Amino acid sequence: MLTVLESIKLSTEYLQNKEIESPRINAELLLAKILNCKRLDLYLMFDRPLMQEEIEQYREFIRRRSKNEPLQYIVGSVEFYGIEFLVNSNVLIPRQETEILVESIIKSFDANSSLTILDIGSGSGNIAIVLAKYFPNSTVVSIDSSKHALETAIQNAKLNAVNQRIIFKMEDITKQPELERNFFEVIVSNPPYVSSEQYKDLQPELKLYEPKIALTDN
Protein backbone atom coordinates (compact mmCIF):
# COMPACT_ATOMS: atom_id res chain seq x y z
CA MET A 1 0.00 0.00 0.00
CA LEU A 2 1.32 3.44 -0.91
CA THR A 3 2.17 5.81 1.89
CA VAL A 4 1.44 9.53 1.94
CA LEU A 5 5.08 10.36 1.15
CA GLU A 6 5.35 7.85 -1.67
CA SER A 7 2.13 9.11 -3.23
CA ILE A 8 3.28 12.72 -3.09
CA LYS A 9 6.64 11.88 -4.67
CA LEU A 10 5.08 9.90 -7.51
CA SER A 11 2.45 12.56 -8.16
CA THR A 12 5.01 15.35 -8.08
CA GLU A 13 7.12 13.61 -10.71
CA TYR A 14 4.06 13.00 -12.87
CA LEU A 15 2.88 16.62 -12.72
CA GLN A 16 6.41 17.85 -13.34
CA ASN A 17 6.58 15.75 -16.51
CA LYS A 18 3.28 17.32 -17.57
CA GLU A 19 4.86 20.77 -17.05
CA ILE A 20 2.46 21.77 -14.29
CA GLU A 21 3.78 24.75 -12.34
CA SER A 22 4.68 24.06 -8.68
CA PRO A 23 4.05 20.30 -8.99
CA ARG A 24 4.95 19.45 -5.37
CA ILE A 25 2.59 22.06 -3.91
CA ASN A 26 -0.19 20.89 -6.23
CA ALA A 27 0.36 17.25 -5.29
CA GLU A 28 0.27 18.09 -1.58
CA LEU A 29 -2.81 20.31 -1.76
CA LEU A 30 -4.77 17.70 -3.70
CA LEU A 31 -3.91 14.96 -1.23
CA ALA A 32 -4.68 17.24 1.72
CA LYS A 33 -8.15 17.75 0.25
CA ILE A 34 -8.74 14.01 0.09
CA LEU A 35 -7.45 13.42 3.62
CA ASN A 36 -9.40 16.44 4.92
CA CYS A 37 -6.39 18.06 6.51
CA LYS A 38 -4.12 21.05 6.05
CA ARG A 39 -1.22 20.76 3.66
CA LEU A 40 1.36 21.06 6.44
CA ASP A 41 -0.35 18.25 8.38
CA LEU A 42 0.81 15.86 5.67
CA TYR A 43 4.35 16.22 6.98
CA LEU A 44 3.25 14.58 10.22
CA MET A 45 1.77 11.55 8.47
CA PHE A 46 4.29 10.67 5.76
CA ASP A 47 4.27 6.99 6.82
CA ARG A 48 0.48 6.72 6.81
CA PRO A 49 -0.71 4.19 4.22
CA LEU A 50 -3.46 5.35 1.90
CA MET A 51 -6.66 3.36 1.60
CA GLN A 52 -7.56 2.08 -1.84
CA GLU A 53 -10.43 4.54 -2.29
CA GLU A 54 -8.09 7.40 -1.31
CA ILE A 55 -5.56 6.26 -3.89
CA GLU A 56 -8.22 6.08 -6.60
CA GLN A 57 -9.54 9.55 -5.79
CA TYR A 58 -6.02 10.94 -5.68
CA ARG A 59 -5.22 9.46 -9.09
CA GLU A 60 -8.34 11.09 -10.49
CA PHE A 61 -7.40 14.46 -9.00
CA ILE A 62 -3.85 14.19 -10.39
CA ARG A 63 -5.20 13.17 -13.80
CA ARG A 64 -7.46 16.23 -13.91
CA ARG A 65 -4.65 18.54 -12.80
CA SER A 66 -2.31 17.08 -15.41
CA LYS A 67 -4.79 18.24 -18.06
CA ASN A 68 -4.46 21.81 -16.75
CA GLU A 69 -7.75 21.88 -14.91
CA PRO A 70 -7.29 24.55 -12.21
CA LEU A 71 -6.50 23.27 -8.76
CA GLN A 72 -9.28 25.43 -7.31
CA TYR A 73 -11.93 23.73 -9.44
CA ILE A 74 -10.68 20.29 -8.45
CA VAL A 75 -10.77 20.97 -4.71
CA GLY A 76 -13.90 23.10 -5.16
CA SER A 77 -12.85 26.13 -3.17
CA VAL A 78 -10.47 29.08 -2.92
CA GLU A 79 -9.56 31.64 -0.27
CA PHE A 80 -10.27 35.29 -1.04
CA TYR A 81 -9.66 38.09 1.46
CA GLY A 82 -9.40 35.53 4.24
CA ILE A 83 -12.75 33.92 3.39
CA GLU A 84 -13.31 30.50 1.84
CA PHE A 85 -15.42 30.48 -1.35
CA LEU A 86 -16.87 27.59 -3.31
CA VAL A 87 -15.87 27.71 -6.96
CA ASN A 88 -16.69 25.70 -10.05
CA SER A 89 -16.43 26.03 -13.81
CA ASN A 90 -19.40 28.43 -13.87
CA VAL A 91 -17.44 31.18 -12.14
CA LEU A 92 -14.10 32.89 -12.54
CA ILE A 93 -11.58 31.92 -9.87
CA PRO A 94 -11.14 34.96 -7.58
CA ARG A 95 -7.70 36.53 -7.96
CA GLN A 96 -5.50 38.15 -5.36
CA GLU A 97 -5.41 41.28 -7.53
CA THR A 98 -9.13 41.74 -6.92
CA GLU A 99 -8.42 41.93 -3.20
CA ILE A 100 -6.78 45.30 -3.89
CA LEU A 101 -10.09 46.54 -5.30
CA VAL A 102 -12.00 45.34 -2.24
CA GLU A 103 -9.37 46.76 0.11
CA SER A 104 -9.63 50.21 -1.47
CA ILE A 105 -13.39 50.30 -0.80
CA ILE A 106 -13.02 49.06 2.77
CA LYS A 107 -10.44 51.75 3.49
CA SER A 108 -12.65 54.48 1.99
CA PHE A 109 -15.61 54.11 4.37
CA ASP A 110 -16.26 53.56 8.03
CA ALA A 111 -17.28 50.00 8.88
CA ASN A 112 -20.55 51.29 10.36
CA SER A 113 -21.53 53.15 7.19
CA SER A 114 -24.99 52.50 5.75
CA LEU A 115 -24.12 52.19 2.09
CA THR A 116 -25.98 51.04 -1.00
CA ILE A 117 -23.50 49.02 -3.03
CA LEU A 118 -23.80 47.67 -6.55
CA ASP A 119 -21.57 44.77 -7.58
CA ILE A 120 -21.58 44.23 -11.34
CA GLY A 121 -20.68 40.67 -12.30
CA SER A 122 -21.32 38.52 -9.23
CA GLY A 123 -19.28 35.51 -10.27
CA SER A 124 -18.67 33.49 -7.12
CA GLY A 125 -20.04 36.40 -5.10
CA ASN A 126 -16.63 37.11 -3.59
CA ILE A 127 -16.71 40.91 -3.86
CA ALA A 128 -20.31 41.30 -2.70
CA ILE A 129 -19.86 38.90 0.21
CA VAL A 130 -16.66 40.50 1.52
CA LEU A 131 -18.26 43.96 1.38
CA ALA A 132 -21.43 42.71 3.07
CA LYS A 133 -19.33 41.27 5.89
CA TYR A 134 -17.26 44.42 6.37
CA PHE A 135 -20.23 46.80 6.08
CA PRO A 136 -22.97 45.04 8.08
CA ASN A 137 -25.28 48.07 7.98
CA SER A 138 -25.19 48.29 4.20
CA THR A 139 -27.27 46.82 1.40
CA VAL A 140 -25.50 45.10 -1.47
CA VAL A 141 -27.07 44.45 -4.86
CA SER A 142 -25.09 41.99 -6.97
CA ILE A 143 -25.95 41.25 -10.60
CA ASP A 144 -24.77 38.73 -13.15
CA SER A 145 -26.03 37.62 -16.55
CA SER A 146 -25.28 33.97 -15.75
CA LYS A 147 -27.90 31.96 -13.88
CA HIS A 148 -25.34 29.34 -12.87
CA ALA A 149 -22.91 31.93 -11.55
CA LEU A 150 -25.68 33.44 -9.42
CA GLU A 151 -26.51 30.02 -8.00
CA THR A 152 -22.90 29.68 -6.85
CA ALA A 153 -22.87 33.22 -5.44
CA ILE A 154 -26.07 32.61 -3.48
CA GLN A 155 -24.63 29.40 -2.08
CA ASN A 156 -21.51 31.26 -0.94
CA ALA A 157 -23.60 34.01 0.62
CA LYS A 158 -25.51 31.43 2.66
CA LEU A 159 -22.31 29.73 3.77
CA ASN A 160 -21.01 33.09 4.98
CA ALA A 161 -24.30 34.08 6.63
CA VAL A 162 -24.79 37.28 4.59
CA ASN A 163 -27.52 36.07 2.24
CA GLN A 164 -30.09 38.28 4.01
CA ARG A 165 -28.10 41.41 3.18
CA ILE A 166 -27.29 40.76 -0.47
CA ILE A 167 -29.83 41.03 -3.28
CA PHE A 168 -28.76 38.86 -6.19
CA LYS A 169 -30.32 39.64 -9.57
CA MET A 170 -29.96 38.17 -13.03
CA GLU A 171 -29.23 41.27 -15.08
CA ASP A 172 -27.11 42.21 -18.09
CA ILE A 173 -25.60 45.63 -17.39
CA THR A 174 -25.19 46.27 -21.13
CA LYS A 175 -28.93 46.05 -21.77
CA GLN A 176 -30.22 48.99 -19.73
CA PRO A 177 -31.37 47.07 -16.65
CA GLU A 178 -33.94 48.38 -14.22
CA LEU A 179 -31.05 49.24 -11.91
CA GLU A 180 -30.61 52.52 -13.82
CA ARG A 181 -33.42 54.00 -11.75
CA ASN A 182 -31.64 53.28 -8.48
CA PHE A 183 -28.98 55.26 -6.65
CA PHE A 184 -25.82 53.57 -5.43
CA GLU A 185 -23.10 55.15 -3.34
CA VAL A 186 -20.59 52.49 -4.34
CA ILE A 187 -20.41 50.72 -7.70
CA VAL A 188 -17.79 48.01 -8.01
CA SER A 189 -16.95 45.58 -10.78
CA ASN A 190 -14.28 43.20 -11.98
CA PRO A 191 -15.37 43.03 -15.63
CA PRO A 192 -13.96 40.93 -18.49
CA TYR A 193 -10.46 42.22 -19.10
CA VAL A 194 -9.04 40.11 -21.96
CA SER A 195 -9.25 41.17 -25.61
CA SER A 196 -10.20 38.67 -28.30
CA GLU A 197 -6.60 38.64 -29.51
CA GLN A 198 -5.21 38.06 -26.04
CA TYR A 199 -7.77 35.32 -25.41
CA LYS A 200 -6.29 33.19 -28.18
CA ASP A 201 -2.95 33.08 -26.36
CA LEU A 202 -4.19 32.48 -22.82
CA GLN A 203 -2.79 29.66 -20.73
CA PRO A 204 -4.76 26.39 -21.02
CA GLU A 205 -5.94 26.69 -17.41
CA LEU A 206 -7.77 29.89 -18.33
CA LYS A 207 -8.81 29.20 -21.89
CA LEU A 208 -10.01 25.64 -21.46
CA TYR A 209 -11.67 25.79 -18.06
CA GLU A 210 -12.67 29.24 -16.83
CA PRO A 211 -15.90 30.75 -18.24
CA LYS A 212 -15.14 32.73 -21.37
CA ILE A 213 -17.85 35.29 -20.62
CA ALA A 214 -15.99 36.26 -17.44
CA LEU A 215 -12.69 36.74 -19.24
CA THR A 216 -13.63 38.50 -22.46
CA ASP A 217 -16.75 40.18 -23.85
CA ASN A 218 -15.75 39.37 -27.42
C-alpha atoms as a PDB file:
ATOM      1  CA  MET A   1       0.000   0.000   0.000  1.00  0.00           C
ATOM      2  CA  LEU A   2       1.316   3.436  -0.914  1.00  0.00           C
ATOM      3  CA  THR A   3       2.169   5.810   1.893  1.00  0.00           C
ATOM      4  CA  VAL A   4       1.443   9.526   1.941  1.00  0.00           C
ATOM      5  CA  LEU A   5       5.079  10.365   1.150  1.00  0.00           C
ATOM      6  CA  GLU A   6       5.355   7.851  -1.671  1.00  0.00           C
ATOM      7  CA  SER A   7       2.130   9.105  -3.226  1.00  0.00           C
ATOM      8  CA  ILE A   8       3.280  12.724  -3.086  1.00  0.00           C
ATOM      9  CA  LYS A   9       6.640  11.883  -4.666  1.00  0.00           C
ATOM     10  CA  LEU A  10       5.085   9.905  -7.515  1.00  0.00           C
ATOM     11  CA  SER A  11       2.448  12.561  -8.156  1.00  0.00           C
ATOM     12  CA  THR A  12       5.010  15.353  -8.080  1.00  0.00           C
ATOM     13  CA  GLU A  13       7.121  13.606 -10.707  1.00  0.00           C
ATOM     14  CA  TYR A  14       4.060  12.998 -12.870  1.00  0.00           C
ATOM     15  CA  LEU A  15       2.884  16.620 -12.716  1.00  0.00           C
ATOM     16  CA  GLN A  16       6.409  17.846 -13.340  1.00  0.00           C
ATOM     17  CA  ASN A  17       6.583  15.749 -16.508  1.00  0.00           C
ATOM     18  CA  LYS A  18       3.281  17.316 -17.572  1.00  0.00           C
ATOM     19  CA  GLU A  19       4.865  20.766 -17.054  1.00  0.00           C
ATOM     20  CA  ILE A  20       2.465  21.771 -14.295  1.00  0.00           C
ATOM     21  CA  GLU A  21       3.775  24.749 -12.341  1.00  0.00           C
ATOM     22  CA  SER A  22       4.681  24.057  -8.681  1.00  0.00           C
ATOM     23  CA  PRO A  23       4.051  20.304  -8.987  1.00  0.00           C
ATOM     24  CA  ARG A  24       4.946  19.451  -5.369  1.00  0.00           C
ATOM     25  CA  ILE A  25       2.586  22.055  -3.914  1.00  0.00           C
ATOM     26  CA  ASN A  26      -0.191  20.893  -6.231  1.00  0.00           C
ATOM     27  CA  ALA A  27       0.364  17.254  -5.285  1.00  0.00           C
ATOM     28  CA  GLU A  28       0.273  18.087  -1.582  1.00  0.00           C
ATOM     29  CA  LEU A  29      -2.811  20.308  -1.762  1.00  0.00           C
ATOM     30  CA  LEU A  30      -4.773  17.701  -3.697  1.00  0.00           C
ATOM     31  CA  LEU A  31      -3.907  14.963  -1.234  1.00  0.00           C
ATOM     32  CA  ALA A  32      -4.681  17.240   1.715  1.00  0.00           C
ATOM     33  CA  LYS A  33      -8.154  17.747   0.253  1.00  0.00           C
ATOM     34  CA  ILE A  34      -8.738  14.009   0.090  1.00  0.00           C
ATOM     35  CA  LEU A  35      -7.453  13.417   3.620  1.00  0.00           C
ATOM     36  CA  ASN A  36      -9.405  16.439   4.915  1.00  0.00           C
ATOM     37  CA  CYS A  37      -6.387  18.060   6.506  1.00  0.00           C
ATOM     38  CA  LYS A  38      -4.119  21.048   6.050  1.00  0.00           C
ATOM     39  CA  ARG A  39      -1.221  20.757   3.655  1.00  0.00           C
ATOM     40  CA  LEU A  40       1.364  21.057   6.442  1.00  0.00           C
ATOM     41  CA  ASP A  41      -0.351  18.254   8.376  1.00  0.00           C
ATOM     42  CA  LEU A  42       0.812  15.860   5.670  1.00  0.00           C
ATOM     43  CA  TYR A  43       4.354  16.219   6.984  1.00  0.00           C
ATOM     44  CA  LEU A  44       3.247  14.584  10.221  1.00  0.00           C
ATOM     45  CA  MET A  45       1.774  11.553   8.469  1.00  0.00           C
ATOM     46  CA  PHE A  46       4.295  10.671   5.761  1.00  0.00           C
ATOM     47  CA  ASP A  47       4.267   6.992   6.817  1.00  0.00           C
ATOM     48  CA  ARG A  48       0.476   6.723   6.808  1.00  0.00           C
ATOM     49  CA  PRO A  49      -0.712   4.194   4.217  1.00  0.00           C
ATOM     50  CA  LEU A  50      -3.465   5.352   1.903  1.00  0.00           C
ATOM     51  CA  MET A  51      -6.658   3.361   1.599  1.00  0.00           C
ATOM     52  CA  GLN A  52      -7.561   2.082  -1.844  1.00  0.00           C
ATOM     53  CA  GLU A  53     -10.431   4.541  -2.289  1.00  0.00           C
ATOM     54  CA  GLU A  54      -8.095   7.396  -1.314  1.00  0.00           C
ATOM     55  CA  ILE A  55      -5.561   6.257  -3.890  1.00  0.00           C
ATOM     56  CA  GLU A  56      -8.217   6.080  -6.596  1.00  0.00           C
ATOM     57  CA  GLN A  57      -9.543   9.549  -5.789  1.00  0.00           C
ATOM     58  CA  TYR A  58      -6.017  10.939  -5.678  1.00  0.00           C
ATOM     59  CA  ARG A  59      -5.222   9.460  -9.088  1.00  0.00           C
ATOM     60  CA  GLU A  60      -8.340  11.094 -10.488  1.00  0.00           C
ATOM     61  CA  PHE A  61      -7.397  14.464  -9.003  1.00  0.00           C
ATOM     62  CA  ILE A  62      -3.855  14.189 -10.391  1.00  0.00           C
ATOM     63  CA  ARG A  63      -5.203  13.170 -13.800  1.00  0.00           C
ATOM     64  CA  ARG A  64      -7.456  16.234 -13.911  1.00  0.00           C
ATOM     65  CA  ARG A  65      -4.647  18.539 -12.799  1.00  0.00           C
ATOM     66  CA  SER A  66      -2.308  17.076 -15.413  1.00  0.00           C
ATOM     67  CA  LYS A  67      -4.795  18.237 -18.058  1.00  0.00           C
ATOM     68  CA  ASN A  68      -4.458  21.808 -16.752  1.00  0.00           C
ATOM     69  CA  GLU A  69      -7.753  21.876 -14.906  1.00  0.00           C
ATOM     70  CA  PRO A  70      -7.289  24.555 -12.212  1.00  0.00           C
ATOM     71  CA  LEU A  71      -6.496  23.271  -8.764  1.00  0.00           C
ATOM     72  CA  GLN A  72      -9.283  25.425  -7.305  1.00  0.00           C
ATOM     73  CA  TYR A  73     -11.932  23.731  -9.437  1.00  0.00           C
ATOM     74  CA  ILE A  74     -10.681  20.291  -8.454  1.00  0.00           C
ATOM     75  CA  VAL A  75     -10.772  20.969  -4.711  1.00  0.00           C
ATOM     76  CA  GLY A  76     -13.900  23.096  -5.158  1.00  0.00           C
ATOM     77  CA  SER A  77     -12.850  26.128  -3.173  1.00  0.00           C
ATOM     78  CA  VAL A  78     -10.467  29.077  -2.919  1.00  0.00           C
ATOM     79  CA  GLU A  79      -9.559  31.636  -0.273  1.00  0.00           C
ATOM     80  CA  PHE A  80     -10.269  35.287  -1.036  1.00  0.00           C
ATOM     81  CA  TYR A  81      -9.658  38.086   1.459  1.00  0.00           C
ATOM     82  CA  GLY A  82      -9.402  35.530   4.239  1.00  0.00           C
ATOM     83  CA  ILE A  83     -12.749  33.920   3.391  1.00  0.00           C
ATOM     84  CA  GLU A  84     -13.314  30.499   1.841  1.00  0.00           C
ATOM     85  CA  PHE A  85     -15.424  30.476  -1.349  1.00  0.00           C
ATOM     86  CA  LEU A  86     -16.872  27.591  -3.306  1.00  0.00           C
ATOM     87  CA  VAL A  87     -15.867  27.710  -6.959  1.00  0.00           C
ATOM     88  CA  ASN A  88     -16.692  25.702 -10.054  1.00  0.00           C
ATOM     89  CA  SER A  89     -16.426  26.027 -13.814  1.00  0.00           C
ATOM     90  CA  ASN A  90     -19.398  28.432 -13.875  1.00  0.00           C
ATOM     91  CA  VAL A  91     -17.440  31.182 -12.136  1.00  0.00           C
ATOM     92  CA  LEU A  92     -14.096  32.893 -12.538  1.00  0.00           C
ATOM     93  CA  ILE A  93     -11.582  31.916  -9.866  1.00  0.00           C
ATOM     94  CA  PRO A  94     -11.142  34.956  -7.578  1.00  0.00           C
ATOM     95  CA  ARG A  95      -7.699  36.530  -7.965  1.00  0.00           C
ATOM     96  CA  GLN A  96      -5.496  38.152  -5.356  1.00  0.00           C
ATOM     97  CA  GLU A  97      -5.405  41.277  -7.529  1.00  0.00           C
ATOM     98  CA  THR A  98      -9.134  41.745  -6.924  1.00  0.00           C
ATOM     99  CA  GLU A  99      -8.416  41.927  -3.196  1.00  0.00           C
ATOM    100  CA  ILE A 100      -6.778  45.298  -3.890  1.00  0.00           C
ATOM    101  CA  LEU A 101     -10.089  46.541  -5.304  1.00  0.00           C
ATOM    102  CA  VAL A 102     -11.996  45.343  -2.244  1.00  0.00           C
ATOM    103  CA  GLU A 103      -9.368  46.764   0.107  1.00  0.00           C
ATOM    104  CA  SER A 104      -9.630  50.208  -1.467  1.00  0.00           C
ATOM    105  CA  ILE A 105     -13.391  50.301  -0.796  1.00  0.00           C
ATOM    106  CA  ILE A 106     -13.021  49.060   2.774  1.00  0.00           C
ATOM    107  CA  LYS A 107     -10.438  51.752   3.492  1.00  0.00           C
ATOM    108  CA  SER A 108     -12.651  54.476   1.994  1.00  0.00           C
ATOM    109  CA  PHE A 109     -15.607  54.105   4.373  1.00  0.00           C
ATOM    110  CA  ASP A 110     -16.256  53.558   8.035  1.00  0.00           C
ATOM    111  CA  ALA A 111     -17.279  49.998   8.881  1.00  0.00           C
ATOM    112  CA  ASN A 112     -20.554  51.287  10.365  1.00  0.00           C
ATOM    113  CA  SER A 113     -21.534  53.151   7.188  1.00  0.00           C
ATOM    114  CA  SER A 114     -24.985  52.500   5.751  1.00  0.00           C
ATOM    115  CA  LEU A 115     -24.121  52.190   2.092  1.00  0.00           C
ATOM    116  CA  THR A 116     -25.984  51.038  -0.996  1.00  0.00           C
ATOM    117  CA  ILE A 117     -23.504  49.016  -3.026  1.00  0.00           C
ATOM    118  CA  LEU A 118     -23.804  47.669  -6.547  1.00  0.00           C
ATOM    119  CA  ASP A 119     -21.566  44.774  -7.584  1.00  0.00           C
ATOM    120  CA  ILE A 120     -21.583  44.234 -11.343  1.00  0.00           C
ATOM    121  CA  GLY A 121     -20.681  40.669 -12.296  1.00  0.00           C
ATOM    122  CA  SER A 122     -21.324  38.519  -9.234  1.00  0.00           C
ATOM    123  CA  GLY A 123     -19.282  35.512 -10.274  1.00  0.00           C
ATOM    124  CA  SER A 124     -18.668  33.495  -7.117  1.00  0.00           C
ATOM    125  CA  GLY A 125     -20.042  36.404  -5.096  1.00  0.00           C
ATOM    126  CA  ASN A 126     -16.626  37.106  -3.594  1.00  0.00           C
ATOM    127  CA  ILE A 127     -16.713  40.912  -3.859  1.00  0.00           C
ATOM    128  CA  ALA A 128     -20.312  41.301  -2.704  1.00  0.00           C
ATOM    129  CA  ILE A 129     -19.861  38.902   0.206  1.00  0.00           C
ATOM    130  CA  VAL A 130     -16.664  40.497   1.519  1.00  0.00           C
ATOM    131  CA  LEU A 131     -18.264  43.956   1.376  1.00  0.00           C
ATOM    132  CA  ALA A 132     -21.428  42.706   3.074  1.00  0.00           C
ATOM    133  CA  LYS A 133     -19.335  41.265   5.892  1.00  0.00           C
ATOM    134  CA  TYR A 134     -17.262  44.422   6.373  1.00  0.00           C
ATOM    135  CA  PHE A 135     -20.227  46.802   6.079  1.00  0.00           C
ATOM    136  CA  PRO A 136     -22.969  45.042   8.085  1.00  0.00           C
ATOM    137  CA  ASN A 137     -25.279  48.074   7.978  1.00  0.00           C
ATOM    138  CA  SER A 138     -25.186  48.292   4.199  1.00  0.00           C
ATOM    139  CA  THR A 139     -27.266  46.815   1.402  1.00  0.00           C
ATOM    140  CA  VAL A 140     -25.497  45.104  -1.468  1.00  0.00           C
ATOM    141  CA  VAL A 141     -27.071  44.448  -4.864  1.00  0.00           C
ATOM    142  CA  SER A 142     -25.091  41.994  -6.973  1.00  0.00           C
ATOM    143  CA  ILE A 143     -25.949  41.252 -10.596  1.00  0.00           C
ATOM    144  CA  ASP A 144     -24.772  38.733 -13.153  1.00  0.00           C
ATOM    145  CA  SER A 145     -26.034  37.621 -16.552  1.00  0.00           C
ATOM    146  CA  SER A 146     -25.284  33.974 -15.746  1.00  0.00           C
ATOM    147  CA  LYS A 147     -27.896  31.956 -13.875  1.00  0.00           C
ATOM    148  CA  HIS A 148     -25.341  29.338 -12.868  1.00  0.00           C
ATOM    149  CA  ALA A 149     -22.911  31.926 -11.552  1.00  0.00           C
ATOM    150  CA  LEU A 150     -25.679  33.441  -9.421  1.00  0.00           C
ATOM    151  CA  GLU A 151     -26.510  30.025  -8.004  1.00  0.00           C
ATOM    152  CA  THR A 152     -22.899  29.681  -6.851  1.00  0.00           C
ATOM    153  CA  ALA A 153     -22.865  33.217  -5.438  1.00  0.00           C
ATOM    154  CA  ILE A 154     -26.071  32.609  -3.480  1.00  0.00           C
ATOM    155  CA  GLN A 155     -24.629  29.400  -2.075  1.00  0.00           C
ATOM    156  CA  ASN A 156     -21.505  31.255  -0.939  1.00  0.00           C
ATOM    157  CA  ALA A 157     -23.601  34.011   0.622  1.00  0.00           C
ATOM    158  CA  LYS A 158     -25.515  31.435   2.656  1.00  0.00           C
ATOM    159  CA  LEU A 159     -22.311  29.735   3.772  1.00  0.00           C
ATOM    160  CA  ASN A 160     -21.006  33.095   4.979  1.00  0.00           C
ATOM    161  CA  ALA A 161     -24.305  34.084   6.633  1.00  0.00           C
ATOM    162  CA  VAL A 162     -24.788  37.281   4.594  1.00  0.00           C
ATOM    163  CA  ASN A 163     -27.517  36.072   2.236  1.00  0.00           C
ATOM    164  CA  GLN A 164     -30.089  38.280   4.011  1.00  0.00           C
ATOM    165  CA  ARG A 165     -28.103  41.413   3.176  1.00  0.00           C
ATOM    166  CA  ILE A 166     -27.294  40.765  -0.470  1.00  0.00           C
ATOM    167  CA  ILE A 167     -29.831  41.026  -3.281  1.00  0.00           C
ATOM    168  CA  PHE A 168     -28.760  38.858  -6.189  1.00  0.00           C
ATOM    169  CA  LYS A 169     -30.322  39.635  -9.572  1.00  0.00           C
ATOM    170  CA  MET A 170     -29.955  38.172 -13.030  1.00  0.00           C
ATOM    171  CA  GLU A 171     -29.227  41.273 -15.077  1.00  0.00           C
ATOM    172  CA  ASP A 172     -27.110  42.214 -18.091  1.00  0.00           C
ATOM    173  CA  ILE A 173     -25.604  45.630 -17.393  1.00  0.00           C
ATOM    174  CA  THR A 174     -25.186  46.274 -21.130  1.00  0.00           C
ATOM    175  CA  LYS A 175     -28.934  46.047 -21.775  1.00  0.00           C
ATOM    176  CA  GLN A 176     -30.223  48.989 -19.729  1.00  0.00           C
ATOM    177  CA  PRO A 177     -31.374  47.068 -16.653  1.00  0.00           C
ATOM    178  CA  GLU A 178     -33.938  48.384 -14.222  1.00  0.00           C
ATOM    179  CA  LEU A 179     -31.052  49.244 -11.907  1.00  0.00           C
ATOM    180  CA  GLU A 180     -30.605  52.517 -13.818  1.00  0.00           C
ATOM    181  CA  ARG A 181     -33.425  53.999 -11.751  1.00  0.00           C
ATOM    182  CA  ASN A 182     -31.638  53.276  -8.480  1.00  0.00           C
ATOM    183  CA  PHE A 183     -28.981  55.261  -6.649  1.00  0.00           C
ATOM    184  CA  PHE A 184     -25.816  53.571  -5.428  1.00  0.00           C
ATOM    185  CA  GLU A 185     -23.101  55.145  -3.342  1.00  0.00           C
ATOM    186  CA  VAL A 186     -20.592  52.488  -4.341  1.00  0.00           C
ATOM    187  CA  ILE A 187     -20.412  50.718  -7.696  1.00  0.00           C
ATOM    188  CA  VAL A 188     -17.785  48.011  -8.012  1.00  0.00           C
ATOM    189  CA  SER A 189     -16.954  45.577 -10.776  1.00  0.00           C
ATOM    190  CA  ASN A 190     -14.275  43.197 -11.979  1.00  0.00           C
ATOM    191  CA  PRO A 191     -15.367  43.027 -15.630  1.00  0.00           C
ATOM    192  CA  PRO A 192     -13.961  40.927 -18.489  1.00  0.00           C
ATOM    193  CA  TYR A 193     -10.456  42.216 -19.103  1.00  0.00           C
ATOM    194  CA  VAL A 194      -9.038  40.111 -21.963  1.00  0.00           C
ATOM    195  CA  SER A 195      -9.250  41.175 -25.607  1.00  0.00           C
ATOM    196  CA  SER A 196     -10.202  38.668 -28.296  1.00  0.00           C
ATOM    197  CA  GLU A 197      -6.598  38.642 -29.512  1.00  0.00           C
ATOM    198  CA  GLN A 198      -5.211  38.059 -26.037  1.00  0.00           C
ATOM    199  CA  TYR A 199      -7.767  35.324 -25.406  1.00  0.00           C
ATOM    200  CA  LYS A 200      -6.288  33.194 -28.176  1.00  0.00           C
ATOM    201  CA  ASP A 201      -2.954  33.081 -26.356  1.00  0.00           C
ATOM    202  CA  LEU A 202      -4.188  32.477 -22.824  1.00  0.00           C
ATOM    203  CA  GLN A 203      -2.786  29.656 -20.734  1.00  0.00           C
ATOM    204  CA  PRO A 204      -4.757  26.388 -21.025  1.00  0.00           C
ATOM    205  CA  GLU A 205      -5.941  26.687 -17.410  1.00  0.00           C
ATOM    206  CA  LEU A 206      -7.770  29.888 -18.328  1.00  0.00           C
ATOM    207  CA  LYS A 207      -8.810  29.204 -21.891  1.00  0.00           C
ATOM    208  CA  LEU A 208     -10.012  25.637 -21.459  1.00  0.00           C
ATOM    209  CA  TYR A 209     -11.671  25.791 -18.061  1.00  0.00           C
ATOM    210  CA  GLU A 210     -12.674  29.240 -16.825  1.00  0.00           C
ATOM    211  CA  PRO A 211     -15.899  30.755 -18.236  1.00  0.00           C
ATOM    212  CA  LYS A 212     -15.135  32.734 -21.373  1.00  0.00           C
ATOM    213  CA  ILE A 213     -17.853  35.292 -20.623  1.00  0.00           C
ATOM    214  CA  ALA A 214     -15.994  36.260 -17.437  1.00  0.00           C
ATOM    215  CA  LEU A 215     -12.685  36.742 -19.242  1.00  0.00           C
ATOM    216  CA  THR A 216     -13.634  38.499 -22.463  1.00  0.00           C
ATOM    217  CA  ASP A 217     -16.747  40.179 -23.848  1.00  0.00           C
ATOM    218  CA  ASN A 218     -15.746  39.375 -27.418  1.00  0.00           C
END
